[in-house]
């Protein structure tokens, strides 16, 4: 399906189902939010990579305007919808300050692999233990998808964008598994190194080699 949507390019990746709070201060995007909220229409957040608008993004629905300040700035709540492929940008819309785009929505395979999902989840939890951080996924473990887990796996922006473009759940989970299989051993080695450094200069009881 091909359609037109207003766009709000940002240097972030938004995933389907993700709750995202935004502070709106630029006049063009204040106008975009006012128009979309009044008409109950979504807008698109294509990812900005290397100072350029990338070819994919996520449709976003406004769920709440939390605050409107005296100068017109706004705090809003949104939720990610469908992933889109950007076909053509329209830099200037008639009588509008903001841009738009013609997009389509690739079919998104959501069928999961339970064993792979559990492997990824448990490895992410191990990563968090190593980093001494606590995360609340806000869902039962069995219902978590790759989109729920991606921001918690230590991906950089380019890697998060690569995952966004994968249109099968098993592909996305495998992408996370491979990433974690590289990252976790590095963190474990760093922890071992920290322990070695702590021991440096301490008196230690060592057993010599017998001849």
C-alpha atoms as a PDB file:
ATOM      1  CA  UNK A   1       0.000   0.000   0.000  1.00  0.00           C
ATOM      2  CA  UNK A   2       1.327   3.415  -1.000  1.00  0.00           C
ATOM      3  CA  UNK A   3       0.329   6.587   0.830  1.00  0.00           C
ATOM      4  CA  UNK A   4       1.396  10.109   1.701  1.00  0.00           C
ATOM      5  CA  UNK A   5       2.403  11.106   5.236  1.00  0.00           C
ATOM      6  CA  UNK A   6       3.910  14.193   6.863  1.00  0.00           C
ATOM      7  CA  UNK A   7       7.412  13.448   8.095  1.00  0.00           C
ATOM      8  CA  UNK A   8       9.504  14.434  11.101  1.00  0.00           C
ATOM      9  CA  UNK A   9      13.069  13.186  10.392  1.00  0.00           C
ATOM     10  CA  UNK A  10      15.084  12.472  13.547  1.00  0.00           C
ATOM     11  CA  UNK A  11      18.392  10.842  14.435  1.00  0.00           C
ATOM     12  CA  UNK A  12      16.613   7.957  16.159  1.00  0.00           C
ATOM     13  CA  UNK A  13      15.035   4.638  15.252  1.00  0.00           C
ATOM     14  CA  UNK A  14      11.443   4.133  16.369  1.00  0.00           C
ATOM     15  CA  UNK A  15      10.121   0.571  16.445  1.00  0.00           C
ATOM     16  CA  UNK A  16       6.525  -0.607  16.049  1.00  0.00           C
ATOM     17  CA  UNK A  17       4.731  -0.541  19.391  1.00  0.00           C
ATOM     18  CA  UNK A  18       7.363   1.677  21.007  1.00  0.00           C
ATOM     19  CA  UNK A  19       6.176   4.466  23.312  1.00  0.00           C
ATOM     20  CA  UNK A  20       8.076   7.663  22.564  1.00  0.00           C
ATOM     21  CA  UNK A  21       7.882  11.056  24.278  1.00  0.00           C
ATOM     22  CA  UNK A  22       8.894  14.096  22.239  1.00  0.00           C
ATOM     23  CA  UNK A  23       9.484  17.754  23.073  1.00  0.00           C
ATOM     24  CA  UNK A  24       8.356  19.834  20.085  1.00  0.00           C
ATOM     25  CA  UNK A  25       9.877  23.289  19.676  1.00  0.00           C
ATOM     26  CA  UNK A  26      10.506  24.039  15.978  1.00  0.00           C
ATOM     27  CA  UNK A  27       7.644  25.976  14.306  1.00  0.00           C
ATOM     28  CA  UNK A  28       7.381  23.524  11.391  1.00  0.00           C
ATOM     29  CA  UNK A  29       6.980  20.540  13.697  1.00  0.00           C
ATOM     30  CA  UNK A  30       4.608  22.362  16.029  1.00  0.00           C
ATOM     31  CA  UNK A  31       2.444  22.874  12.953  1.00  0.00           C
ATOM     32  CA  UNK A  32       2.827  19.219  11.947  1.00  0.00           C
ATOM     33  CA  UNK A  33       1.737  17.992  15.381  1.00  0.00           C
ATOM     34  CA  UNK A  34      -1.211  20.400  15.530  1.00  0.00           C
ATOM     35  CA  UNK A  35      -2.415  19.269  12.082  1.00  0.00           C
ATOM     36  CA  UNK A  36      -1.982  15.544  12.756  1.00  0.00           C
ATOM     37  CA  UNK A  37      -3.625  15.730  16.184  1.00  0.00           C
ATOM     38  CA  UNK A  38      -6.588  17.752  14.893  1.00  0.00           C
ATOM     39  CA  UNK A  39      -7.161  15.297  12.034  1.00  0.00           C
ATOM     40  CA  UNK A  40      -6.283  12.170  14.055  1.00  0.00           C
ATOM     41  CA  UNK A  41      -3.656  11.228  11.482  1.00  0.00           C
ATOM     42  CA  UNK A  42      -0.209   9.672  11.924  1.00  0.00           C
ATOM     43  CA  UNK A  43       3.100  11.111  10.803  1.00  0.00           C
ATOM     44  CA  UNK A  44       6.364   9.423   9.886  1.00  0.00           C
ATOM     45  CA  UNK A  45       9.769   9.455  11.578  1.00  0.00           C
ATOM     46  CA  UNK A  46      12.391   8.462   9.018  1.00  0.00           C
ATOM     47  CA  UNK A  47      15.805   7.930  10.559  1.00  0.00           C
ATOM     48  CA  UNK A  48      18.533  10.499   9.903  1.00  0.00           C
ATOM     49  CA  UNK A  49      21.885   8.776   9.332  1.00  0.00           C
ATOM     50  CA  UNK A  50      25.107  10.618   8.474  1.00  0.00           C
ATOM     51  CA  UNK A  51      23.176  13.894   8.130  1.00  0.00           C
ATOM     52  CA  UNK A  52      20.849  12.422   5.510  1.00  0.00           C
ATOM     53  CA  UNK A  53      17.283  11.127   5.632  1.00  0.00           C
ATOM     54  CA  UNK A  54      17.415   7.340   5.314  1.00  0.00           C
ATOM     55  CA  UNK A  55      15.096   5.243   3.161  1.00  0.00           C
ATOM     56  CA  UNK A  56      13.083   3.687   6.004  1.00  0.00           C
ATOM     57  CA  UNK A  57      11.237   4.882   9.058  1.00  0.00           C
ATOM     58  CA  UNK A  58       8.243   4.238  11.256  1.00  0.00           C
ATOM     59  CA  UNK A  59       4.718   5.590  11.213  1.00  0.00           C
ATOM     60  CA  UNK A  60       3.917   7.271  14.540  1.00  0.00           C
ATOM     61  CA  UNK A  61       0.567   7.967  16.193  1.00  0.00           C
ATOM     62  CA  UNK A  62       0.053  10.788  18.685  1.00  0.00           C
ATOM     63  CA  UNK A  63      -1.473   9.327  21.849  1.00  0.00           C
ATOM     64  CA  UNK A  64      -1.458  12.424  24.034  1.00  0.00           C
ATOM     65  CA  UNK A  65      -0.430  16.077  24.092  1.00  0.00           C
ATOM     66  CA  UNK A  66       0.889  16.258  27.625  1.00  0.00           C
ATOM     67  CA  UNK A  67       1.673  19.957  27.794  1.00  0.00           C
ATOM     68  CA  UNK A  68       1.469  23.101  25.666  1.00  0.00           C
ATOM     69  CA  UNK A  69       3.645  25.983  26.840  1.00  0.00           C
ATOM     70  CA  UNK A  70       3.080  29.730  26.462  1.00  0.00           C
ATOM     71  CA  UNK A  71       5.564  29.907  23.587  1.00  0.00           C
ATOM     72  CA  UNK A  72       3.778  27.090  21.717  1.00  0.00           C
ATOM     73  CA  UNK A  73       6.278  24.362  22.546  1.00  0.00           C
ATOM     74  CA  UNK A  74       4.742  20.976  23.322  1.00  0.00           C
ATOM     75  CA  UNK A  75       5.408  17.736  25.125  1.00  0.00           C
ATOM     76  CA  UNK A  76       3.691  14.843  23.381  1.00  0.00           C
ATOM     77  CA  UNK A  77       3.359  11.085  23.743  1.00  0.00           C
ATOM     78  CA  UNK A  78       3.439   8.880  20.653  1.00  0.00           C
ATOM     79  CA  UNK A  79       3.445   5.208  19.746  1.00  0.00           C
ATOM     80  CA  UNK A  80       5.221   3.556  16.833  1.00  0.00           C
ATOM     81  CA  UNK A  81       3.106   1.950  14.120  1.00  0.00           C
ATOM     82  CA  UNK A  82       4.074   0.297  10.856  1.00  0.00           C
ATOM     83  CA  UNK A  83       7.539   0.380   9.294  1.00  0.00           C
ATOM     84  CA  UNK A  84       7.589   2.226   5.963  1.00  0.00           C
ATOM     85  CA  UNK A  85       9.922   2.476   2.986  1.00  0.00           C
ATOM     86  CA  UNK A  86      10.383   6.057   1.812  1.00  0.00           C
ATOM     87  CA  UNK A  87       9.790   6.277  -1.947  1.00  0.00           C
ATOM     88  CA  UNK A  88       9.898  10.030  -2.522  1.00  0.00           C
ATOM     89  CA  UNK A  89      10.377  13.067  -0.307  1.00  0.00           C
ATOM     90  CA  UNK A  90       8.321  16.205  -0.820  1.00  0.00           C
ATOM     91  CA  UNK A  91      10.442  18.934   0.804  1.00  0.00           C
ATOM     92  CA  UNK A  92       7.788  21.644   0.775  1.00  0.00           C
ATOM     93  CA  UNK A  93       4.031  21.114   1.063  1.00  0.00           C
ATOM     94  CA  UNK A  94       1.587  23.810  -0.110  1.00  0.00           C
ATOM     95  CA  UNK A  95       0.837  26.267   2.733  1.00  0.00           C
ATOM     96  CA  UNK A  96       2.793  24.130   5.222  1.00  0.00           C
ATOM     97  CA  UNK A  97       6.118  24.541   6.978  1.00  0.00           C
ATOM     98  CA  UNK A  98       6.864  20.820   7.216  1.00  0.00           C
ATOM     99  CA  UNK A  99       7.813  18.160   4.671  1.00  0.00           C
ATOM    100  CA  UNK A 100       6.068  15.008   3.531  1.00  0.00           C
ATOM    101  CA  UNK A 101       6.831  11.760   1.775  1.00  0.00           C
ATOM    102  CA  UNK A 102       5.279   9.100  -0.392  1.00  0.00           C
ATOM    103  CA  UNK A 103       5.805   5.774   1.331  1.00  0.00           C
ATOM    104  CA  UNK A 104       4.773   2.146   1.216  1.00  0.00           C
ATOM    105  CA  UNK A 105       4.519  -0.426   3.961  1.00  0.00           C
ATOM    106  CA  UNK A 106       6.433  -3.683   3.398  1.00  0.00           C
ATOM    107  CA  UNK A 107       4.797  -6.863   4.681  1.00  0.00           C
ATOM    108  CA  UNK A 108       6.131  -7.563   8.158  1.00  0.00           C
ATOM    109  CA  UNK A 109       6.443 -11.202   9.227  1.00  0.00           C
ATOM    110  CA  UNK A 110       5.770 -11.366  12.970  1.00  0.00           C
ATOM    111  CA  UNK A 111       5.976 -15.156  13.411  1.00  0.00           C
ATOM    112  CA  UNK A 112       8.562 -15.775  16.109  1.00  0.00           C
ATOM    113  CA  UNK A 113      10.878 -18.592  17.146  1.00  0.00           C
ATOM    114  CA  UNK A 114      10.345 -19.126  20.873  1.00  0.00           C
ATOM    115  CA  UNK A 115      13.702 -20.800  21.509  1.00  0.00           C
ATOM    116  CA  UNK A 116      15.590 -18.041  19.690  1.00  0.00           C
ATOM    117  CA  UNK A 117      13.577 -15.365  21.472  1.00  0.00           C
ATOM    118  CA  UNK A 118      14.456 -16.865  24.864  1.00  0.00           C
ATOM    119  CA  UNK A 119      18.141 -17.098  23.918  1.00  0.00           C
ATOM    120  CA  UNK A 120      18.211 -13.438  22.963  1.00  0.00           C
ATOM    121  CA  UNK A 121      16.281 -12.362  26.053  1.00  0.00           C
ATOM    122  CA  UNK A 122      18.474 -14.302  28.476  1.00  0.00           C
ATOM    123  CA  UNK A 123      21.633 -12.972  26.819  1.00  0.00           C
ATOM    124  CA  UNK A 124      20.348  -9.402  27.119  1.00  0.00           C
ATOM    125  CA  UNK A 125      19.629 -10.011  30.802  1.00  0.00           C
ATOM    126  CA  UNK A 126      23.183 -11.338  31.194  1.00  0.00           C
ATOM    127  CA  UNK A 127      24.496  -8.195  29.490  1.00  0.00           C
ATOM    128  CA  UNK A 128      22.549  -6.024  31.907  1.00  0.00           C
ATOM    129  CA  UNK A 129      23.950  -7.919  34.904  1.00  0.00           C
ATOM    130  CA  UNK A 130      27.479  -7.407  33.587  1.00  0.00           C
ATOM    131  CA  UNK A 131      26.792  -3.698  33.125  1.00  0.00           C
ATOM    132  CA  UNK A 132      25.065  -3.448  36.532  1.00  0.00           C
ATOM    133  CA  UNK A 133      21.921  -1.927  35.043  1.00  0.00           C
ATOM    134  CA  UNK A 134      18.267  -2.746  35.562  1.00  0.00           C
ATOM    135  CA  UNK A 135      15.668  -2.641  32.802  1.00  0.00           C
ATOM    136  CA  UNK A 136      11.909  -2.995  33.007  1.00  0.00           C
ATOM    137  CA  UNK A 137      10.537  -4.486  29.795  1.00  0.00           C
ATOM    138  CA  UNK A 138       6.942  -3.821  30.953  1.00  0.00           C
ATOM    139  CA  UNK A 139       5.728  -7.086  29.403  1.00  0.00           C
ATOM    140  CA  UNK A 140       5.835 -10.786  30.290  1.00  0.00           C
ATOM    141  CA  UNK A 141       9.031 -12.402  29.015  1.00  0.00           C
ATOM    142  CA  UNK A 142       7.234 -14.718  26.577  1.00  0.00           C
ATOM    143  CA  UNK A 143       5.490 -11.825  24.807  1.00  0.00           C
ATOM    144  CA  UNK A 144       8.597  -9.712  24.149  1.00  0.00           C
ATOM    145  CA  UNK A 145       9.457  -9.192  20.485  1.00  0.00           C
ATOM    146  CA  UNK A 146      12.649  -8.126  18.756  1.00  0.00           C
ATOM    147  CA  UNK A 147      11.239  -4.591  18.691  1.00  0.00           C
ATOM    148  CA  UNK A 148      10.817  -4.647  22.486  1.00  0.00           C
ATOM    149  CA  UNK A 149      14.383  -5.883  22.961  1.00  0.00           C
ATOM    150  CA  UNK A 150      16.352  -3.968  20.341  1.00  0.00           C
ATOM    151  CA  UNK A 151      16.936  -0.749  22.297  1.00  0.00           C
ATOM    152  CA  UNK A 152      18.211  -2.820  25.253  1.00  0.00           C
ATOM    153  CA  UNK A 153      20.864  -4.785  23.375  1.00  0.00           C
ATOM    154  CA  UNK A 154      23.556  -2.117  22.997  1.00  0.00           C
ATOM    155  CA  UNK A 155      23.081  -1.491  19.279  1.00  0.00           C
ATOM    156  CA  UNK A 156      24.345   1.760  17.811  1.00  0.00           C
ATOM    157  CA  UNK A 157      22.087   3.908  15.614  1.00  0.00           C
ATOM    158  CA  UNK A 158      23.218   2.323  12.338  1.00  0.00           C
ATOM    159  CA  UNK A 159      22.679  -1.168  13.756  1.00  0.00           C
ATOM    160  CA  UNK A 160      19.221  -0.249  15.076  1.00  0.00           C
ATOM    161  CA  UNK A 161      18.389   0.993  11.582  1.00  0.00           C
ATOM    162  CA  UNK A 162      19.629  -2.246   9.987  1.00  0.00           C
ATOM    163  CA  UNK A 163      17.301  -4.166  12.277  1.00  0.00           C
ATOM    164  CA  UNK A 164      14.390  -1.863  11.376  1.00  0.00           C
ATOM    165  CA  UNK A 165      14.772  -2.824   7.715  1.00  0.00           C
ATOM    166  CA  UNK A 166      14.499  -6.567   8.433  1.00  0.00           C
ATOM    167  CA  UNK A 167      10.960  -7.664   7.689  1.00  0.00           C
ATOM    168  CA  UNK A 168      10.878 -11.056   9.426  1.00  0.00           C
ATOM    169  CA  UNK A 169      10.827 -11.537  13.208  1.00  0.00           C
ATOM    170  CA  UNK A 170      13.227 -14.475  13.059  1.00  0.00           C
ATOM    171  CA  UNK A 171      15.691 -12.356  11.037  1.00  0.00           C
ATOM    172  CA  UNK A 172      15.548  -9.611  13.643  1.00  0.00           C
ATOM    173  CA  UNK A 173      16.055 -12.035  16.527  1.00  0.00           C
ATOM    174  CA  UNK A 174      18.991 -13.654  14.740  1.00  0.00           C
ATOM    175  CA  UNK A 175      20.492 -10.197  14.142  1.00  0.00           C
ATOM    176  CA  UNK A 176      20.274  -9.514  17.884  1.00  0.00           C
ATOM    177  CA  UNK A 177      21.696 -12.944  18.752  1.00  0.00           C
ATOM    178  CA  UNK A 178      24.741 -12.402  16.539  1.00  0.00           C
ATOM    179  CA  UNK A 179      25.307  -8.902  17.916  1.00  0.00           C
ATOM    180  CA  UNK A 180      25.114 -10.123  21.508  1.00  0.00           C
ATOM    181  CA  UNK A 181      27.425 -13.060  20.791  1.00  0.00           C
ATOM    182  CA  UNK A 182      30.111 -10.487  19.944  1.00  0.00           C
ATOM    183  CA  UNK A 183      29.369  -7.920  22.639  1.00  0.00           C
ATOM    184  CA  UNK A 184      28.923 -10.077  25.757  1.00  0.00           C
ATOM    185  CA  UNK A 185      32.365 -11.786  25.583  1.00  0.00           C
ATOM    186  CA  UNK A 186      33.974  -8.335  25.268  1.00  0.00           C
ATOM    187  CA  UNK A 187      32.145  -7.103  28.372  1.00  0.00           C
ATOM    188  CA  UNK A 188      33.070 -10.297  30.239  1.00  0.00           C
ATOM    189  CA  UNK A 189      36.724  -9.792  29.338  1.00  0.00           C
ATOM    190  CA  UNK A 190      36.520  -6.197  30.563  1.00  0.00           C
ATOM    191  CA  UNK A 191      35.151  -7.436  33.897  1.00  0.00           C
ATOM    192  CA  UNK A 192      38.031  -9.908  34.160  1.00  0.00           C
ATOM    193  CA  UNK A 193      40.463  -7.104  33.371  1.00  0.00           C
ATOM    194  CA  UNK A 194      38.936  -4.925  36.091  1.00  0.00           C
ATOM    195  CA  UNK A 195      39.452  -7.732  38.608  1.00  0.00           C
ATOM    196  CA  UNK A 196      43.088  -8.084  37.535  1.00  0.00           C
ATOM    197  CA  UNK A 197      43.629  -4.353  37.959  1.00  0.00           C
ATOM    198  CA  UNK A 198      42.074  -4.453  41.445  1.00  0.00           C
ATOM    199  CA  UNK A 199      44.576  -7.144  42.441  1.00  0.00           C
ATOM    200  CA  UNK A 200      47.568  -5.148  41.192  1.00  0.00           C
ATOM    201  CA  UNK A 201      49.781  -4.188  44.156  1.00  0.00           C
ATOM    202  CA  UNK A 202      47.964  -6.413  46.657  1.00  0.00           C
ATOM    203  CA  UNK A 203      49.774  -9.105  48.652  1.00  0.00           C
ATOM    204  CA  UNK A 204      48.745 -12.441  47.223  1.00  0.00           C
ATOM    205  CA  UNK A 205      49.443 -15.940  48.401  1.00  0.00           C
ATOM    206  CA  UNK A 206      50.853 -17.828  45.442  1.00  0.00           C
ATOM    207  CA  UNK A 207      52.048 -21.397  45.298  1.00  0.00           C
ATOM    208  CA  UNK A 208      55.364 -21.932  43.554  1.00  0.00           C
ATOM    209  CA  UNK A 209      56.129 -24.617  41.077  1.00  0.00           C
ATOM    210  CA  UNK A 210      57.655 -27.705  42.685  1.00  0.00           C
ATOM    211  CA  UNK A 211      60.764 -29.274  41.167  1.00  0.00           C
END
